[in-house]
Amino acid sequence: MPRTTLAIIFLLLSVAWAQDPKSGDAVRYWPQWRGPLGTGVGPEADPPVDWSESRNVLWKKALPGLGHSTPIVWGNRIYVTAAVPVGEALGPIYDDAPGSHGNLPVTRRQAFVVLALDRGSGDVVWERTVRTSIPHEGGHYTSSLASASPLTDGRRVLAYFGSQGIYCLSPDGEVQWKKQLGVMSTKHGHGEGSSPVLHGKTLVVNWDHEGQSFVVALDKRTGKEHWKIPRDEVTSWATPIAVEQDGVVQVIVAGTSRVRGYDLETGEVIWECGGLAANIVASPVAGDGMAFVGSSYEKRVLLAIRLDGARGDVTGTDRVPWTRRRTTPYVPSPLLYDGILYFLAHYQSVLTRVEARTGQDRPGPMRLGGIGNVYASPVAASGRVYVTDLKGTTLVLSHEEAPRALAVNQLEDRFSASVALAGRQLFLRGEKNLYAIGAAP
């Protein structure tokens, strides 16, 4: 085969890999929230089973400020975001009736920061402040001002700070473009948390809040708007997912009124389904032609939606083959692994394991010993499930019909961010430190 032909093929494959987080190199890494498949699974990862502060910690790096965003991994780089207080305290700039709804006041200006770390050593390769401002809202005491997770396709890093903007950076930390979408007013002033989703050349942001909500699709290379669709929704914190069905890529967005599937190319609503509760936090997952979306606030509900043939309003139709009304997820998002759906009850230490296709218990709800309240979403790899609680305990379970506890691991930090998996490592982002658990890459 001519050398020029080989070069063209290699170039086309490289572009395809960079465009689709589910293909090529992406499956080896953790390029966005919930991993390369959007399900919480590291398909090629084989992380350690046990660790502690003195065992299997490759490195531990103190991070500036605070952020609940999940670290992302590509090649030998890890990218994280944070909000860092700067300057003198200015008094309570924003305080929604002190003590009301568990909110914390903003008392300092914040620097919104993106960091790149060396995966092998934990050394900071670069640190970039993309914006410094006084946030217009504080947030719930359990939240942070940098809760949305960044994304990468290996060629660019996309950092999203909600009302503080979207920033596209090169792997060397240079800002290539930036865009402001407006000012979000969240329910009870609880703060922002939804992450964007990336598929192909398109970045999709869900902007559900107490004003005019919308979903918008942007060109990841330029920030140019492809389409913007108004939504009749109130505040939600769920991250969209991108799924290909019948040759069409659709973006599934959960909301209080409806969960909807949008055509990625046009923004047209393909299908919608009612029945969820208010305060949508958990993100949907999808696989094998089905999507799963749950909520647990004033009512508990988990919907299984068959995507094949889903058109228009599918509420109460045969496109919803099963519904569950107990032990449903609120804060942590479900995990979909080898046809099995795992989800935590509310944010408590009860894990339910069901057959995704039918909703049948396999074996159903299990109380997790040694685990407290959980805000991080469960992840899985190499036949194991990892559940990390707020107090730094990670329970490792076997992925089988009668799951066995394989290890209970403790670190000296608090964890709201979900775990990232890559190779023989896992990365745990605490309130103070980022941990690399495992062997050098």
Protein backbone atom coordinates (compact mmCIF):
# COMPACT_ATOMS: atom_id res chain seq x y z
CA MET A 1 0.00 0.00 0.00
CA PRO A 2 1.45 3.44 -0.92
CA ARG A 3 2.91 5.41 1.96
CA THR A 4 0.63 8.39 1.22
CA THR A 5 -2.45 6.15 1.43
CA LEU A 6 -1.31 4.81 4.80
CA ALA A 7 -0.77 8.35 6.01
CA ILE A 8 -4.29 9.37 4.96
CA ILE A 9 -5.81 6.33 6.69
CA PHE A 10 -3.85 7.06 9.84
CA LEU A 11 -5.01 10.69 9.77
CA LEU A 12 -8.66 9.71 9.33
CA LEU A 13 -8.45 7.22 12.19
CA SER A 14 -6.80 9.83 14.39
CA VAL A 15 -9.61 12.33 13.66
CA ALA A 16 -12.27 9.69 14.38
CA TRP A 17 -10.67 8.80 17.69
CA ALA A 18 -10.48 12.45 18.69
CA GLN A 19 -14.13 12.98 17.82
CA ASP A 20 -15.81 10.05 19.58
CA PRO A 21 -15.08 9.52 23.30
CA LYS A 22 -16.31 5.91 23.00
CA SER A 23 -13.76 4.82 20.38
CA GLY A 24 -10.03 4.49 19.87
CA ASP A 25 -7.72 5.79 22.58
CA ALA A 26 -10.55 7.23 24.66
CA VAL A 27 -11.56 3.83 26.09
CA ARG A 28 -8.12 3.60 27.70
CA TYR A 29 -8.65 6.80 29.63
CA TRP A 30 -11.31 8.81 31.48
CA PRO A 31 -12.09 11.74 29.14
CA GLN A 32 -15.29 13.07 30.70
CA TRP A 33 -17.82 12.70 33.49
CA ARG A 34 -18.72 8.98 33.96
CA GLY A 35 -15.89 7.83 31.73
CA PRO A 36 -15.50 6.99 28.03
CA LEU A 37 -18.80 5.10 27.77
CA GLY A 38 -20.83 7.51 29.93
CA THR A 39 -21.79 4.59 32.16
CA GLY A 40 -19.24 4.75 34.99
CA VAL A 41 -17.19 1.89 33.53
CA GLY A 42 -13.49 1.83 32.66
CA PRO A 43 -13.59 -0.85 29.91
CA GLU A 44 -9.81 -1.31 29.81
CA ALA A 45 -8.96 -0.33 33.39
CA ASP A 46 -7.65 -2.71 36.04
CA PRO A 47 -7.22 -0.56 39.18
CA PRO A 48 -6.06 -1.83 42.59
CA VAL A 49 -8.42 -3.52 45.02
CA ASP A 50 -6.94 -2.30 48.28
CA TRP A 51 -5.11 0.82 49.47
CA SER A 52 -4.61 3.17 52.42
CA GLU A 53 -2.60 6.30 53.19
CA SER A 54 0.49 4.08 53.45
CA ARG A 55 -0.24 1.46 50.80
CA ASN A 56 -0.66 1.63 47.01
CA VAL A 57 -0.66 5.44 46.94
CA LEU A 58 1.49 6.35 43.93
CA TRP A 59 1.30 10.01 44.87
CA LYS A 60 -0.84 12.50 46.77
CA LYS A 61 -1.05 16.11 45.64
CA ALA A 62 -2.57 19.01 47.57
CA LEU A 63 -4.95 20.99 45.32
CA PRO A 64 -5.78 24.69 45.59
CA GLY A 65 -9.27 25.87 46.53
CA LEU A 66 -12.21 23.53 46.28
CA GLY A 67 -13.92 21.57 43.54
CA HIS A 68 -16.18 18.54 43.34
CA SER A 69 -15.48 18.01 39.65
CA THR A 70 -14.16 14.62 38.62
CA PRO A 71 -10.58 14.59 37.34
CA ILE A 72 -10.21 13.54 33.70
CA VAL A 73 -7.34 11.50 32.30
CA TRP A 74 -5.75 11.36 28.85
CA GLY A 75 -2.32 9.97 28.07
CA ASN A 76 0.10 11.11 30.75
CA ARG A 77 -2.03 14.06 31.86
CA ILE A 78 -4.71 14.58 34.47
CA TYR A 79 -6.90 17.68 34.32
CA VAL A 80 -8.83 19.10 37.26
CA THR A 81 -10.74 22.30 37.98
CA ALA A 82 -11.10 24.30 41.17
CA ALA A 83 -12.47 27.55 42.59
CA VAL A 84 -9.79 29.30 44.64
CA PRO A 85 -10.61 32.19 47.05
CA VAL A 86 -8.43 35.25 46.36
CA GLY A 87 -7.97 38.63 47.97
CA GLU A 88 -9.31 39.93 51.25
CA ALA A 89 -12.58 38.77 52.77
CA LEU A 90 -15.33 41.19 51.75
CA GLY A 91 -18.07 40.10 54.11
CA PRO A 92 -21.13 38.11 53.04
CA ILE A 93 -21.51 39.13 49.38
CA TYR A 94 -24.21 36.57 48.86
CA ASP A 95 -26.09 34.95 51.69
CA ASP A 96 -29.59 33.67 50.97
CA ALA A 97 -31.11 34.34 54.40
CA PRO A 98 -28.26 32.96 56.56
CA GLY A 99 -28.86 29.33 57.37
CA SER A 100 -31.65 29.06 54.79
CA HIS A 101 -31.66 25.81 52.82
CA GLY A 102 -28.19 24.91 54.09
CA ASN A 103 -26.47 27.51 51.90
CA LEU A 104 -23.04 29.01 52.45
CA PRO A 105 -22.30 32.67 51.75
CA VAL A 106 -19.67 33.90 49.31
CA THR A 107 -17.20 36.11 51.19
CA ARG A 108 -14.27 36.25 48.72
CA ARG A 109 -13.56 36.71 45.05
CA GLN A 110 -12.90 33.39 43.33
CA ALA A 111 -10.29 32.42 40.77
CA PHE A 112 -11.63 29.70 38.47
CA VAL A 113 -8.68 27.49 37.74
CA VAL A 114 -7.77 24.60 35.41
CA LEU A 115 -4.76 22.46 36.31
CA ALA A 116 -2.81 19.85 34.35
CA LEU A 117 -0.85 17.31 36.38
CA ASP A 118 1.68 14.72 35.34
CA ARG A 119 0.02 11.33 35.69
CA GLY A 120 3.19 9.59 36.81
CA SER A 121 4.41 12.04 39.43
CA GLY A 122 1.50 14.32 40.34
CA ASP A 123 3.59 17.38 39.52
CA VAL A 124 1.65 20.41 38.24
CA VAL A 125 2.52 20.84 34.55
CA TRP A 126 0.53 24.05 34.28
CA GLU A 127 -2.12 26.00 36.17
CA ARG A 128 -4.37 28.47 34.34
CA THR A 129 -6.79 30.98 35.90
CA VAL A 130 -9.50 31.44 33.27
CA ARG A 131 -11.65 33.92 35.21
CA THR A 132 -11.68 35.82 38.49
CA SER A 133 -15.02 37.11 39.76
CA ILE A 134 -17.46 37.38 42.63
CA PRO A 135 -20.02 34.58 42.18
CA HIS A 136 -23.64 35.73 42.25
CA GLU A 137 -24.64 32.63 44.30
CA GLY A 138 -22.97 30.68 47.03
CA GLY A 139 -24.39 27.20 46.98
CA HIS A 140 -25.42 24.42 49.32
CA TYR A 141 -22.92 23.58 52.07
CA THR A 142 -22.27 20.23 50.36
CA SER A 143 -21.51 21.81 46.96
CA SER A 144 -18.60 23.68 45.40
CA LEU A 145 -18.15 26.49 42.90
CA ALA A 146 -16.32 24.07 40.59
CA SER A 147 -18.59 21.04 40.48
CA ALA A 148 -18.87 20.56 36.71
CA SER A 149 -16.32 18.11 35.33
CA PRO A 150 -14.00 19.05 32.45
CA LEU A 151 -13.75 17.07 29.19
CA THR A 152 -11.03 16.24 26.69
CA ASP A 153 -10.67 14.62 23.28
CA GLY A 154 -6.89 14.49 23.58
CA ARG A 155 -6.45 17.67 21.50
CA ARG A 156 -8.22 20.19 23.69
CA VAL A 157 -9.48 20.54 27.27
CA LEU A 158 -12.98 21.93 27.78
CA ALA A 159 -13.53 23.42 31.23
CA TYR A 160 -17.04 24.47 32.21
CA PHE A 161 -17.81 26.71 35.18
CA GLY A 162 -21.52 27.37 34.53
CA SER A 163 -22.27 31.06 34.96
CA GLN A 164 -18.52 31.73 34.91
CA GLY A 165 -18.21 30.45 31.35
CA ILE A 166 -16.84 27.68 29.12
CA TYR A 167 -13.16 27.64 28.24
CA CYS A 168 -11.36 25.63 25.58
CA LEU A 169 -7.67 25.15 26.35
CA SER A 170 -4.86 23.52 24.44
CA PRO A 171 -2.98 20.62 26.08
CA ASP A 172 -0.38 23.27 26.97
CA GLY A 173 -2.93 25.40 28.82
CA GLU A 174 -3.49 28.19 26.30
CA VAL A 175 -7.08 29.44 26.06
CA GLN A 176 -8.28 28.87 22.48
CA TRP A 177 -11.82 30.19 22.92
CA LYS A 178 -14.24 31.10 25.67
CA LYS A 179 -17.98 31.65 25.85
CA GLN A 180 -20.49 32.99 28.37
CA LEU A 181 -23.98 31.46 28.34
CA GLY A 182 -25.58 33.75 30.91
CA VAL A 183 -26.24 33.80 34.63
CA MET A 184 -27.89 30.78 36.18
CA SER A 185 -30.27 31.15 39.14
CA THR A 186 -30.52 27.79 40.86
CA LYS A 187 -33.31 26.54 43.07
CA HIS A 188 -32.85 27.76 46.67
CA GLY A 189 -29.45 29.15 45.54
CA HIS A 190 -28.03 25.65 45.90
CA GLY A 191 -25.41 26.19 43.17
CA GLU A 192 -24.54 24.71 39.81
CA GLY A 193 -23.37 21.19 39.01
CA SER A 194 -24.33 19.78 35.61
CA SER A 195 -21.39 18.89 33.34
CA PRO A 196 -21.44 19.16 29.54
CA VAL A 197 -21.28 16.11 27.27
CA LEU A 198 -19.00 15.80 24.25
CA HIS A 199 -19.72 13.74 21.14
CA GLY A 200 -17.89 14.14 17.85
CA LYS A 201 -17.38 17.83 17.18
CA THR A 202 -20.29 18.87 19.40
CA LEU A 203 -20.37 20.00 23.02
CA VAL A 204 -23.84 20.01 24.65
CA VAL A 205 -24.72 21.98 27.78
CA ASN A 206 -27.91 21.63 29.82
CA TRP A 207 -28.90 25.01 31.34
CA ASP A 208 -31.86 24.17 33.58
CA HIS A 209 -32.44 26.83 36.24
CA GLU A 210 -35.14 29.12 37.69
CA GLY A 211 -35.09 31.42 34.67
CA GLN A 212 -35.48 30.48 31.00
CA SER A 213 -33.95 27.03 30.72
CA PHE A 214 -32.40 25.69 27.53
CA VAL A 215 -30.10 23.09 26.04
CA VAL A 216 -27.39 24.31 23.66
CA ALA A 217 -25.00 22.61 21.24
CA LEU A 218 -21.62 24.23 20.50
CA ASP A 219 -18.77 23.44 18.12
CA LYS A 220 -15.97 22.18 20.35
CA ARG A 221 -13.34 23.71 18.04
CA THR A 222 -14.67 27.28 17.99
CA GLY A 223 -17.47 27.64 20.55
CA LYS A 224 -19.86 28.55 17.73
CA GLU A 225 -23.50 27.77 18.51
CA HIS A 226 -25.08 25.00 16.42
CA TRP A 227 -28.52 25.19 18.01
CA LYS A 228 -30.24 26.31 21.19
CA ILE A 229 -33.60 24.89 22.30
CA PRO A 230 -35.73 26.40 25.13
CA ARG A 231 -36.80 23.99 27.86
CA ASP A 232 -39.88 24.19 30.06
CA GLU A 233 -37.91 23.03 33.10
CA VAL A 234 -36.77 24.23 36.50
CA THR A 235 -33.36 23.67 38.09
CA SER A 236 -31.69 20.33 37.57
CA TRP A 237 -28.13 19.18 38.13
CA ALA A 238 -28.07 16.12 35.85
CA THR A 239 -25.48 15.79 33.09
CA PRO A 240 -26.72 14.86 29.60
CA ILE A 241 -25.55 11.71 27.80
CA ALA A 242 -25.06 11.07 24.07
CA VAL A 243 -26.38 7.80 22.61
CA GLU A 244 -26.53 6.48 19.06
CA GLN A 245 -29.81 4.76 18.17
CA ASP A 246 -31.00 3.69 14.72
CA GLY A 247 -28.16 5.63 13.10
CA VAL A 248 -29.03 8.89 14.88
CA VAL A 249 -27.05 10.34 17.78
CA GLN A 250 -29.37 11.69 20.44
CA VAL A 251 -28.66 13.64 23.59
CA ILE A 252 -30.70 12.48 26.57
CA VAL A 253 -31.43 15.18 29.14
CA ALA A 254 -33.28 14.51 32.39
CA GLY A 255 -35.64 17.11 33.85
CA THR A 256 -38.46 17.49 36.35
CA SER A 257 -41.19 17.76 33.71
CA ARG A 258 -39.74 15.34 31.18
CA VAL A 259 -36.70 13.34 30.25
CA ARG A 260 -36.12 14.05 26.56
CA GLY A 261 -34.05 12.71 23.70
CA TYR A 262 -32.77 15.46 21.35
CA ASP A 263 -31.35 14.91 17.87
CA LEU A 264 -27.69 15.93 18.21
CA GLU A 265 -27.62 17.33 14.69
CA THR A 266 -30.74 19.50 14.80
CA GLY A 267 -31.87 19.84 18.44
CA GLU A 268 -35.27 18.38 17.55
CA VAL A 269 -37.00 16.45 20.35
CA ILE A 270 -37.22 12.81 19.26
CA TRP A 271 -39.06 11.51 22.33
CA GLU A 272 -40.02 12.55 25.84
CA CYS A 273 -41.22 10.81 28.97
CA GLY A 274 -42.76 12.15 32.18
CA GLY A 275 -42.77 10.74 35.67
CA LEU A 276 -39.62 11.94 37.43
CA ALA A 277 -39.47 13.87 40.68
CA ALA A 278 -38.24 17.42 41.25
CA ASN A 279 -34.57 18.22 41.95
CA ILE A 280 -33.03 16.00 39.28
CA VAL A 281 -29.41 15.33 40.19
CA ALA A 282 -28.46 11.83 39.02
CA SER A 283 -27.43 11.58 35.37
CA PRO A 284 -28.99 9.03 32.99
CA VAL A 285 -27.09 6.01 31.71
CA ALA A 286 -27.74 4.04 28.54
CA GLY A 287 -26.73 0.81 26.86
CA ASP A 288 -28.05 -1.99 24.65
CA GLY A 289 -30.79 0.25 23.26
CA MET A 290 -32.15 1.33 26.65
CA ALA A 291 -31.81 4.43 28.82
CA PHE A 292 -32.21 4.55 32.60
CA VAL A 293 -33.00 7.69 34.54
CA GLY A 294 -33.97 8.12 38.17
CA SER A 295 -34.82 10.61 40.88
CA SER A 296 -35.52 10.57 44.59
CA TYR A 297 -36.73 13.77 46.14
CA GLU A 298 -40.42 14.15 47.00
CA LYS A 299 -41.04 10.81 45.29
CA ARG A 300 -38.91 7.87 44.21
CA VAL A 301 -38.89 6.72 40.61
CA LEU A 302 -36.52 5.01 38.19
CA LEU A 303 -37.56 4.70 34.54
CA ALA A 304 -36.27 2.24 31.96
CA ILE A 305 -36.85 3.57 28.44
CA ARG A 306 -36.50 1.48 25.28
CA LEU A 307 -35.01 3.77 22.64
CA ASP A 308 -35.85 1.67 19.58
CA GLY A 309 -39.01 3.17 18.14
CA ALA A 310 -39.29 5.84 20.85
CA ARG A 311 -41.07 8.79 19.23
CA GLY A 312 -43.15 11.58 20.72
CA ASP A 313 -44.52 11.21 24.25
CA VAL A 314 -43.73 7.67 25.43
CA THR A 315 -45.09 8.13 28.96
CA GLY A 316 -47.01 5.02 30.00
CA THR A 317 -46.33 3.18 26.73
CA ASP A 318 -44.50 -0.05 25.97
CA ARG A 319 -41.34 2.05 25.43
CA VAL A 320 -41.15 2.11 29.24
CA PRO A 321 -40.82 -1.63 29.98
CA TRP A 322 -40.27 -1.25 33.70
CA THR A 323 -40.39 1.32 36.49
CA ARG A 324 -39.04 1.13 40.02
CA ARG A 325 -40.38 3.11 42.98
CA ARG A 326 -38.05 2.25 45.84
CA THR A 327 -34.33 2.66 46.67
CA THR A 328 -33.95 5.02 43.69
CA PRO A 329 -30.97 7.38 43.08
CA TYR A 330 -30.84 11.03 44.08
CA VAL A 331 -27.25 12.38 44.15
CA PRO A 332 -25.02 9.53 42.87
CA SER A 333 -25.70 8.53 39.26
CA PRO A 334 -26.42 4.89 38.32
CA LEU A 335 -23.72 2.53 37.08
CA LEU A 336 -24.42 0.31 34.06
CA TYR A 337 -22.02 -2.64 33.84
CA ASP A 338 -22.36 -5.72 31.62
CA GLY A 339 -26.16 -5.52 31.51
CA ILE A 340 -26.46 -4.91 35.26
CA LEU A 341 -27.71 -1.62 36.70
CA TYR A 342 -26.36 -0.51 40.07
CA PHE A 343 -27.82 2.47 41.94
CA LEU A 344 -27.69 3.87 45.46
CA ALA A 345 -30.78 4.76 47.46
CA HIS A 346 -30.98 8.56 47.67
CA TYR A 347 -27.37 9.17 48.82
CA GLN A 348 -27.33 6.46 51.45
CA SER A 349 -25.45 3.19 51.82
CA VAL A 350 -28.02 0.91 50.19
CA LEU A 351 -26.93 -0.35 46.78
CA THR A 352 -29.44 -2.00 44.45
CA ARG A 353 -28.35 -4.43 41.72
CA VAL A 354 -30.88 -5.29 38.99
CA GLU A 355 -30.90 -6.77 35.51
CA ALA A 356 -31.07 -3.72 33.27
CA ARG A 357 -33.20 -5.27 30.53
CA THR A 358 -35.98 -6.49 32.85
CA GLY A 359 -35.56 -4.60 36.15
CA GLN A 360 -35.48 -7.91 38.03
CA ASP A 361 -33.49 -8.02 41.25
CA ARG A 362 -30.03 -9.56 40.89
CA PRO A 363 -30.17 -9.72 43.94
CA GLY A 364 -31.80 -6.30 44.62
CA PRO A 365 -31.03 -3.90 47.50
CA MET A 366 -27.96 -4.52 49.70
CA ARG A 367 -26.85 -2.55 52.73
CA LEU A 368 -23.17 -1.67 52.42
CA GLY A 369 -21.15 -2.29 55.56
CA GLY A 370 -18.57 0.33 56.46
CA ILE A 371 -20.04 2.96 54.12
CA GLY A 372 -21.79 6.19 55.13
CA ASN A 373 -23.43 8.87 52.99
CA VAL A 374 -22.35 8.75 49.34
CA TYR A 375 -22.22 11.70 46.91
CA ALA A 376 -19.70 10.22 44.47
CA SER A 377 -21.14 7.97 41.75
CA PRO A 378 -20.08 4.30 41.72
CA VAL A 379 -17.61 3.10 39.08
CA ALA A 380 -16.55 -0.31 37.81
CA ALA A 381 -13.72 -2.13 36.05
CA SER A 382 -12.24 -5.64 35.79
CA GLY A 383 -15.20 -7.35 37.43
CA ARG A 384 -15.28 -4.99 40.42
CA VAL A 385 -17.51 -2.16 41.65
CA TYR A 386 -16.11 0.77 43.64
CA VAL A 387 -18.28 2.88 45.99
CA THR A 388 -16.68 5.88 47.76
CA ASP A 389 -18.39 7.75 50.59
CA LEU A 390 -18.01 11.29 51.89
CA LYS A 391 -15.66 10.30 54.71
CA GLY A 392 -13.05 8.70 52.46
CA THR A 393 -14.08 5.05 52.63
CA THR A 394 -14.15 3.05 49.39
CA LEU A 395 -15.87 -0.32 49.39
CA VAL A 396 -14.80 -2.66 46.58
CA LEU A 397 -17.37 -5.31 45.59
CA SER A 398 -17.23 -8.25 43.23
CA HIS A 399 -19.40 -7.90 40.13
CA GLU A 400 -21.49 -11.05 40.51
CA GLU A 401 -25.06 -11.94 41.38
CA ALA A 402 -24.14 -12.35 45.05
CA PRO A 403 -21.59 -9.53 45.41
CA ARG A 404 -18.78 -10.03 47.89
CA ALA A 405 -16.88 -7.31 49.73
CA LEU A 406 -13.31 -7.50 48.45
CA ALA A 407 -11.84 -4.59 50.41
CA VAL A 408 -12.73 -1.59 52.56
CA ASN A 409 -10.20 1.21 52.00
CA GLN A 410 -9.78 4.42 53.98
CA LEU A 411 -8.15 7.74 53.08
CA GLU A 412 -7.80 10.91 55.17
CA ASP A 413 -9.95 13.28 53.17
CA ARG A 414 -13.57 13.92 52.23
CA PHE A 415 -14.84 12.88 48.80
CA SER A 416 -17.76 14.21 46.76
CA ALA A 417 -16.08 13.87 43.35
CA SER A 418 -16.48 10.56 41.54
CA VAL A 419 -13.52 8.28 40.90
CA ALA A 420 -11.66 8.30 37.56
CA LEU A 421 -10.16 5.04 36.24
CA ALA A 422 -7.34 4.58 33.72
CA GLY A 423 -5.00 1.66 33.18
CA ARG A 424 -3.90 0.18 36.49
CA GLN A 425 -4.71 3.36 38.38
CA LEU A 426 -7.64 5.13 39.97
CA PHE A 427 -7.77 8.79 40.86
CA LEU A 428 -9.63 10.07 43.91
CA ARG A 429 -10.19 13.80 44.20
CA GLY A 430 -10.83 14.87 47.78
CA GLU A 431 -11.58 18.27 49.24
CA LYS A 432 -7.87 18.79 49.89
CA ASN A 433 -5.90 16.32 47.79
CA LEU A 434 -5.83 14.37 44.56
CA TYR A 435 -4.73 10.75 45.08
CA ALA A 436 -3.25 8.45 42.45
CA ILE A 437 -3.80 4.87 43.58
CA GLY A 438 -1.86 2.08 41.89
CA ALA A 439 1.28 1.69 39.81
CA ALA A 440 3.04 4.16 37.52
CA PRO A 441 1.51 4.27 34.00
